[in-house]
Each structure stands twice: as C-alpha cells, then as structure tokens.
Amino acid sequence: MIAALKTSLLVHHLDTFLQYLVVHRRLSRNTVDSYASDLHFFLDFLQKQDVSTPDAVTPELARAFLTACYQNNINSRSNARRLSALRAFFDYLVFQQVRLDNPVADIDSPKIAHALPDILTVAEVDQMLALPKKQTPLVLRNHAMLHLLYATGIRVSELVALPLRDCSLTSGHVRILGKGDKERMVPFNETAGVTVEEYLTTARPALLRKQISPYLFVTGRGGRMTRHRFWQILKEIVAANGIAKPVSPKTMRHSFATHLLAGGADLRSVQMMLGHTDIATTQIYTHVDKGRVKELHRRFHPRG
C-alpha cells in the first residue's frame, strides 16, 4: 500500500510537470504528449526496479534505462529525445525543491547522424508550379497553395491554418503563429502574390458559395483545408508531373531553404523565415551546394 502511494506521488509530479509545460512553457499539445510518452516509459522502468520516489533516482538508474532502450532497438534519436525529457523533468523537480540535483545532468546525449533532407531541383519545382491548362476553382486553389508553400517555406500545418487576414498581398508577407505561439513575418515573391490574388478573386468566392470563412484556403465545400487533404493534393500534382522521387510538404520546405542558401541567402535570415529556434537546425541545409562553395572559393580566394 505504501509503495502504491509513493508511485502515485511520482505520477503526481509528472502530471504537474506536464501542466507546467502547457501553462508556463506554452508548448504545443503534440510536444507535451511526446514528453508524457517518454517519461511514462521511464516511470515504467523505475517501477520494475522497485523505485517509486523522485529522490531515489540515481545517474546509474538513468543510464540503465537508456541502456535498456538501446537493447530494445530504440535508436539514438529517440534516446536523445528521452534523455532531453528526463533533463527537463528533473530540472523542474529541482526548481520545485522536490530534489536537490538533476541525476541526468552529466549524461551525454547520444550522437545523432543527421539525415540529409530530400529536396527538389529548381527545374522540378518549376515543373510543379506550372499552371495546368484546365483552370477550375480547385486547380487555382491548389496552385496558389503550392506557390505560397514554396515561396515561404512555412509548415503545412501553418499553411492550412493561415487566416485570410494574415496574408498581405500589399506588403507581400504572411504572418505566421508557429510553434510555441511564436510570431514571425515571412515574405513571398511577386509570382506567388499574383497567384494567391487570382485565387482570392475568382476561385475562393466560387468555393465558398456566399459562405464566410476566416481561413485563406478553403475546401470545395467551403470548409477549412486539412493537412491530410493537402498531402493528397500534393501527391496528385507530383504524379501528374511525372516526378518519380517521393515528395511531401516537408520536401517543399526543405527545397525552399536549400534553394535560398544556394542563391546566397544568409543562414540567420533563413532560420527566421523557417521559424527555427536553434540555428543548428537550419545548418543542415548548407550541405547541399558544395559545388557552389567550391566555385566561390575559386573565384574569390587570392590563390583560387
């Protein structure tokens, strides 16, 4: 009975930590759910080790947990995420004076081999952005969504939830409320602006049929576009253009970033447009155009 009470106390601390992430850190529901999942794995491990209170957790126990994860074929990326969750949880317990120290503070994160993002060539993007001969309201909408996605590099979740009022054709910017409710202004080019304006003038009123919607992009029934539906639309466009490689909304985002950097954009500006908190996340796109780097070296180095 006493052990059960101690276990429930540990679970209580986890529940208050998750509430803290929502209320004070203002993290998204998906992020909080990820923390909850990783920490529940850890609590299950502790229970099997007959450890039921926060102050009984040692660095050795934490290392044993990570070792068990590896033995269960959990990859380095997932283990790094679990360790990050543990650090945040025990930092919170220290802050709340439940513990005096963080038992995982000195445990190094596993090294992660960063997978290079899939991208489209500029020619492939041009091919996809070409307006089909048959120009129905749905075609014009799909065309505008694709143009805006590539022109801004915004996430598909941000694209489908974009309010009409947050897309300014006058200034050529979209206002994005991204992860953690962080706001950013992302510019788009004139071609994307013309495409979106044509959609707003002709296609959107036809789709709404006198209905009212706060969202920029709407469905054939006048409702809000979903991420799943846009995935389907993108697959249809890729197939129609005979592009063999797998393409997702993230591919368009990766292509946006890679093409900007290849064209000479600075890393900090691309980071701000993508909404990355850490510039290291943006640096992965610098791998792509090594040939351009060599060419710049050849042109500008005194002994090139």
Protein backbone atom coordinates (compact mmCIF):
# COMPACT_ATOMS: atom_id res chain seq x y z
CA MET A 1 0.00 0.00 0.00
CA ILE A 2 2.87 2.38 0.91
CA ALA A 3 4.65 1.59 -2.38
CA ALA A 4 1.45 2.34 -4.30
CA LEU A 5 1.19 5.72 -2.57
CA LYS A 6 4.82 6.53 -3.42
CA THR A 7 4.26 5.55 -7.02
CA SER A 8 1.18 7.76 -7.22
CA LEU A 9 3.27 10.63 -5.80
CA LEU A 10 5.82 10.19 -8.62
CA VAL A 11 2.98 10.16 -11.15
CA HIS A 12 1.61 13.30 -9.48
CA HIS A 13 4.92 15.09 -10.08
CA LEU A 14 4.79 14.03 -13.72
CA ASP A 15 1.24 15.37 -14.07
CA THR A 16 2.20 18.74 -12.57
CA PHE A 17 5.26 18.89 -14.86
CA LEU A 18 3.09 18.34 -17.93
CA GLN A 19 0.70 21.06 -16.75
CA TYR A 20 3.69 23.35 -16.30
CA LEU A 21 4.74 22.73 -19.93
CA VAL A 22 1.28 23.72 -21.14
CA VAL A 23 0.61 26.71 -18.89
CA HIS A 24 4.05 28.25 -18.39
CA ARG A 25 6.15 26.99 -21.28
CA ARG A 26 3.18 27.20 -23.68
CA LEU A 27 4.32 24.14 -25.60
CA SER A 28 2.08 22.55 -28.20
CA ARG A 29 -0.11 19.57 -27.36
CA ASN A 30 1.97 17.32 -29.62
CA THR A 31 5.18 18.32 -27.82
CA VAL A 32 3.64 17.78 -24.39
CA ASP A 33 2.31 14.39 -25.49
CA SER A 34 5.83 13.47 -26.61
CA TYR A 35 7.22 14.40 -23.17
CA ALA A 36 4.47 12.39 -21.49
CA SER A 37 5.15 9.30 -23.61
CA ASP A 38 8.92 9.34 -23.00
CA LEU A 39 8.56 9.94 -19.26
CA HIS A 40 5.95 7.21 -18.85
CA PHE A 41 8.48 4.76 -20.33
CA PHE A 42 10.91 5.90 -17.65
CA LEU A 43 8.36 5.57 -14.85
CA ASP A 44 7.51 2.05 -16.01
CA PHE A 45 11.23 1.21 -15.90
CA LEU A 46 11.53 2.64 -12.37
CA GLN A 47 8.57 0.63 -11.18
CA LYS A 48 10.20 -2.57 -12.42
CA GLN A 49 13.31 -1.58 -10.46
CA ASP A 50 11.16 -1.02 -7.36
CA VAL A 51 12.00 2.70 -7.40
CA SER A 52 9.00 4.81 -6.53
CA THR A 53 10.17 8.27 -5.41
CA PRO A 54 11.96 11.06 -7.31
CA ASP A 55 14.80 11.31 -4.79
CA ALA A 56 15.67 7.64 -5.29
CA VAL A 57 16.58 8.11 -8.96
CA THR A 58 20.35 7.99 -9.50
CA PRO A 59 22.54 8.64 -12.56
CA GLU A 60 23.20 4.90 -12.65
CA LEU A 61 19.48 4.17 -12.90
CA ALA A 62 19.09 6.71 -15.69
CA ARG A 63 21.98 5.14 -17.60
CA ALA A 64 20.48 1.70 -17.05
CA PHE A 65 17.21 2.98 -18.53
CA LEU A 66 18.95 4.29 -21.65
CA THR A 67 20.88 1.03 -21.99
CA ALA A 68 17.60 -0.90 -21.80
CA CYS A 69 16.21 1.35 -24.52
CA TYR A 70 19.16 0.52 -26.79
CA GLN A 71 18.72 -3.18 -26.07
CA ASN A 72 15.09 -2.81 -27.19
CA ASN A 73 16.32 -1.35 -30.51
CA ILE A 74 15.38 2.24 -29.69
CA ASN A 75 17.50 4.42 -31.99
CA SER A 76 19.86 7.22 -30.99
CA ARG A 77 17.46 9.97 -32.00
CA SER A 78 14.66 8.58 -29.80
CA ASN A 79 17.09 8.01 -26.92
CA ALA A 80 18.34 11.58 -27.22
CA ARG A 81 14.74 12.79 -27.07
CA ARG A 82 14.06 10.64 -23.99
CA LEU A 83 17.17 11.96 -22.27
CA SER A 84 16.07 15.51 -23.07
CA ALA A 85 12.69 14.78 -21.49
CA LEU A 86 14.38 13.42 -18.38
CA ARG A 87 16.58 16.50 -18.08
CA ALA A 88 13.60 18.81 -18.33
CA PHE A 89 11.58 16.76 -15.82
CA PHE A 90 14.32 16.69 -13.18
CA ASP A 91 15.17 20.36 -13.75
CA TYR A 92 11.54 21.04 -12.92
CA LEU A 93 11.75 18.89 -9.77
CA VAL A 94 14.85 20.79 -8.66
CA PHE A 95 13.04 24.07 -9.31
CA GLN A 96 10.13 22.81 -7.22
CA GLN A 97 12.59 21.73 -4.48
CA VAL A 98 11.48 18.12 -4.77
CA ARG A 99 15.11 17.16 -5.48
CA LEU A 100 18.42 18.83 -4.74
CA ASP A 101 20.05 17.90 -8.04
CA ASN A 102 19.39 16.62 -11.55
CA PRO A 103 20.57 12.98 -11.82
CA VAL A 104 20.90 13.14 -15.62
CA ALA A 105 22.68 16.49 -15.85
CA ASP A 106 26.06 14.90 -16.62
CA ILE A 107 24.83 12.20 -19.01
CA ASP A 108 25.90 12.98 -22.58
CA SER A 109 23.33 12.80 -25.34
CA PRO A 110 23.91 10.08 -27.93
CA LYS A 111 25.38 11.28 -31.19
CA ILE A 112 22.81 11.51 -33.94
CA ALA A 113 23.62 11.11 -37.59
CA HIS A 114 21.61 13.84 -39.27
CA ALA A 115 19.76 12.53 -42.30
CA LEU A 116 20.08 14.89 -45.23
CA PRO A 117 16.72 16.30 -46.28
CA ASP A 118 15.15 15.31 -49.58
CA ILE A 119 14.86 18.25 -51.95
CA LEU A 120 13.60 19.03 -55.42
CA THR A 121 15.70 20.67 -58.09
CA VAL A 122 14.71 24.14 -59.25
CA ALA A 123 13.56 22.62 -62.54
CA GLU A 124 11.32 20.14 -60.72
CA VAL A 125 9.80 22.92 -58.63
CA ASP A 126 9.16 25.00 -61.78
CA GLN A 127 7.51 21.96 -63.32
CA MET A 128 5.17 21.56 -60.33
CA LEU A 129 4.34 25.27 -60.15
CA ALA A 130 3.33 25.49 -63.81
CA LEU A 131 -0.40 26.22 -64.08
CA PRO A 132 -2.36 23.37 -65.73
CA LYS A 133 -4.45 24.10 -68.82
CA LYS A 134 -7.67 23.21 -67.02
CA GLN A 135 -8.22 26.08 -64.58
CA THR A 136 -11.08 25.21 -62.24
CA PRO A 137 -11.51 26.87 -58.81
CA LEU A 138 -9.95 23.82 -57.18
CA VAL A 139 -6.98 23.89 -59.56
CA LEU A 140 -6.43 27.60 -58.86
CA ARG A 141 -6.61 26.96 -55.12
CA ASN A 142 -4.13 24.07 -55.30
CA HIS A 143 -1.84 26.16 -57.48
CA ALA A 144 -1.94 29.06 -55.02
CA MET A 145 -1.25 26.80 -52.03
CA LEU A 146 1.74 25.22 -53.72
CA HIS A 147 3.15 28.60 -54.77
CA LEU A 148 2.77 30.03 -51.28
CA LEU A 149 4.27 26.92 -49.67
CA TYR A 150 7.40 27.09 -51.80
CA ALA A 151 7.64 30.89 -51.65
CA THR A 152 7.59 31.00 -47.84
CA GLY A 153 8.81 27.59 -46.62
CA ILE A 154 6.11 27.53 -43.97
CA ARG A 155 4.98 24.25 -42.40
CA VAL A 156 1.94 22.53 -43.90
CA SER A 157 0.12 22.96 -40.57
CA GLU A 158 0.79 26.70 -40.81
CA LEU A 159 -0.35 26.81 -44.44
CA VAL A 160 -3.73 25.15 -43.93
CA ALA A 161 -4.44 27.17 -40.76
CA LEU A 162 -3.39 30.52 -42.24
CA PRO A 163 -6.08 33.14 -41.59
CA LEU A 164 -7.14 35.30 -44.52
CA ARG A 165 -6.25 38.45 -42.57
CA ASP A 166 -2.65 37.26 -42.06
CA CYS A 167 -1.81 37.17 -45.77
CA SER A 168 -1.00 40.67 -47.04
CA LEU A 169 -0.80 40.99 -50.81
CA THR A 170 0.10 44.66 -50.40
CA SER A 171 3.25 44.07 -48.39
CA GLY A 172 3.94 40.57 -49.73
CA HIS A 173 4.11 38.96 -46.29
CA VAL A 174 2.33 36.26 -44.32
CA ARG A 175 2.08 36.48 -40.54
CA ILE A 176 2.71 33.07 -39.01
CA LEU A 177 1.92 31.99 -35.47
CA GLY A 178 4.21 28.99 -35.22
CA LYS A 179 5.36 26.52 -32.59
CA GLY A 180 5.12 27.83 -29.03
CA ASP A 181 2.89 30.67 -30.30
CA LYS A 182 5.96 32.44 -31.68
CA GLU A 183 5.09 35.00 -34.34
CA ARG A 184 7.13 35.62 -37.46
CA MET A 185 6.65 37.55 -40.70
CA VAL A 186 7.65 35.70 -43.85
CA PRO A 187 7.86 37.43 -47.25
CA PHE A 188 6.72 35.90 -50.52
CA ASN A 189 7.61 36.78 -54.08
CA GLU A 190 5.54 38.65 -56.64
CA THR A 191 4.68 35.50 -58.60
CA ALA A 192 3.20 33.85 -55.50
CA GLY A 193 1.34 37.09 -54.75
CA VAL A 194 -0.24 37.18 -58.21
CA THR A 195 -1.22 33.51 -57.92
CA VAL A 196 -2.82 33.99 -54.50
CA GLU A 197 -4.60 37.13 -55.68
CA GLU A 198 -6.10 35.25 -58.64
CA TYR A 199 -7.31 32.54 -56.25
CA LEU A 200 -8.86 35.15 -53.93
CA THR A 201 -10.54 36.98 -56.79
CA THR A 202 -12.06 34.07 -58.68
CA ALA A 203 -11.65 30.68 -57.03
CA ARG A 204 -12.26 31.33 -53.32
CA PRO A 205 -15.67 33.02 -53.79
CA ALA A 206 -16.73 30.13 -56.04
CA LEU A 207 -15.69 27.58 -53.40
CA LEU A 208 -17.35 29.43 -50.52
CA ARG A 209 -20.68 29.94 -52.35
CA LYS A 210 -21.52 33.02 -50.21
CA GLN A 211 -20.34 31.30 -47.02
CA ILE A 212 -17.86 33.04 -44.72
CA SER A 213 -14.54 31.54 -43.61
CA PRO A 214 -11.66 33.13 -41.66
CA TYR A 215 -9.15 30.87 -43.42
CA LEU A 216 -7.24 31.74 -46.56
CA PHE A 217 -7.57 28.32 -48.17
CA VAL A 218 -10.92 26.52 -48.15
CA THR A 219 -12.25 23.21 -49.45
CA GLY A 220 -14.75 22.60 -52.22
CA ARG A 221 -17.47 22.69 -49.55
CA GLY A 222 -16.28 25.95 -48.09
CA GLY A 223 -14.66 24.35 -45.03
CA ARG A 224 -11.11 24.56 -43.73
CA MET A 225 -8.38 22.68 -45.61
CA THR A 226 -6.74 19.86 -43.65
CA ARG A 227 -3.14 18.67 -43.62
CA HIS A 228 -4.22 15.23 -44.88
CA ARG A 229 -6.13 16.67 -47.81
CA PHE A 230 -3.21 18.86 -48.84
CA TRP A 231 -0.92 15.80 -48.74
CA GLN A 232 -3.31 14.12 -51.17
CA ILE A 233 -3.34 17.18 -53.43
CA LEU A 234 0.45 17.33 -53.46
CA LYS A 235 0.71 13.64 -54.37
CA GLU A 236 -1.70 14.22 -57.26
CA ILE A 237 0.37 17.16 -58.54
CA VAL A 238 3.61 15.16 -58.25
CA ALA A 239 2.09 12.22 -60.15
CA ALA A 240 0.63 14.49 -62.83
CA ASN A 241 4.08 15.97 -63.46
CA GLY A 242 5.82 12.60 -63.65
CA ILE A 243 8.20 13.27 -60.76
CA ALA A 244 9.47 9.91 -59.53
CA LYS A 245 11.03 10.90 -56.19
CA PRO A 246 8.87 10.97 -53.04
CA VAL A 247 7.59 14.48 -52.33
CA SER A 248 5.89 15.71 -49.18
CA PRO A 249 5.10 19.20 -47.83
CA LYS A 250 8.40 18.95 -45.94
CA THR A 251 10.18 18.40 -49.25
CA MET A 252 8.87 21.78 -50.39
CA ARG A 253 10.06 23.36 -47.13
CA HIS A 254 13.49 21.73 -47.47
CA SER A 255 13.71 22.86 -51.10
CA PHE A 256 12.78 26.43 -50.13
CA ALA A 257 15.59 26.60 -47.56
CA THR A 258 18.19 24.87 -49.72
CA HIS A 259 17.50 27.00 -52.79
CA LEU A 260 17.66 30.21 -50.72
CA LEU A 261 21.04 29.30 -49.26
CA ALA A 262 22.32 28.17 -52.65
CA GLY A 263 21.28 31.56 -54.02
CA GLY A 264 23.30 33.42 -51.41
CA ALA A 265 20.85 34.00 -48.55
CA ASP A 266 22.42 34.19 -45.10
CA LEU A 267 21.75 31.42 -42.59
CA ARG A 268 20.25 33.69 -39.95
CA SER A 269 17.58 35.05 -42.32
CA VAL A 270 16.61 31.54 -43.45
CA GLN A 271 16.41 30.47 -39.79
CA MET A 272 13.98 33.31 -39.04
CA MET A 273 11.80 32.52 -42.06
CA LEU A 274 11.63 28.82 -41.17
CA GLY A 275 10.86 29.59 -37.53
CA HIS A 276 13.74 27.50 -36.18
CA THR A 277 14.63 28.19 -32.54
CA ASP A 278 18.16 26.84 -32.94
CA ILE A 279 20.30 27.85 -35.92
CA ALA A 280 21.90 24.38 -35.81
CA THR A 281 18.60 23.03 -37.17
CA THR A 282 18.93 25.33 -40.18
CA GLN A 283 22.58 24.45 -40.80
CA ILE A 284 21.66 21.04 -42.21
CA TYR A 285 20.63 22.81 -45.43
CA THR A 286 24.16 24.04 -46.01
CA HIS A 287 25.23 20.57 -47.14
CA VAL A 288 23.54 20.73 -50.49
CA ASP A 289 25.50 23.05 -52.70
CA LYS A 290 29.10 22.14 -52.00
CA GLY A 291 29.84 22.80 -55.65
CA ARG A 292 28.77 26.42 -55.20
CA VAL A 293 31.06 26.78 -52.17
CA LYS A 294 33.99 25.47 -54.20
CA GLU A 295 33.15 27.90 -57.01
CA LEU A 296 33.04 30.84 -54.59
CA HIS A 297 36.40 29.77 -53.18
CA ARG A 298 37.87 29.53 -56.66
CA ARG A 299 36.55 32.97 -57.65
CA PHE A 300 37.40 34.96 -54.55
CA HIS A 301 40.40 33.30 -52.87
CA PRO A 302 43.64 35.03 -53.93
CA ARG A 303 45.13 31.66 -54.86
CA GLY A 304 41.93 30.15 -56.25
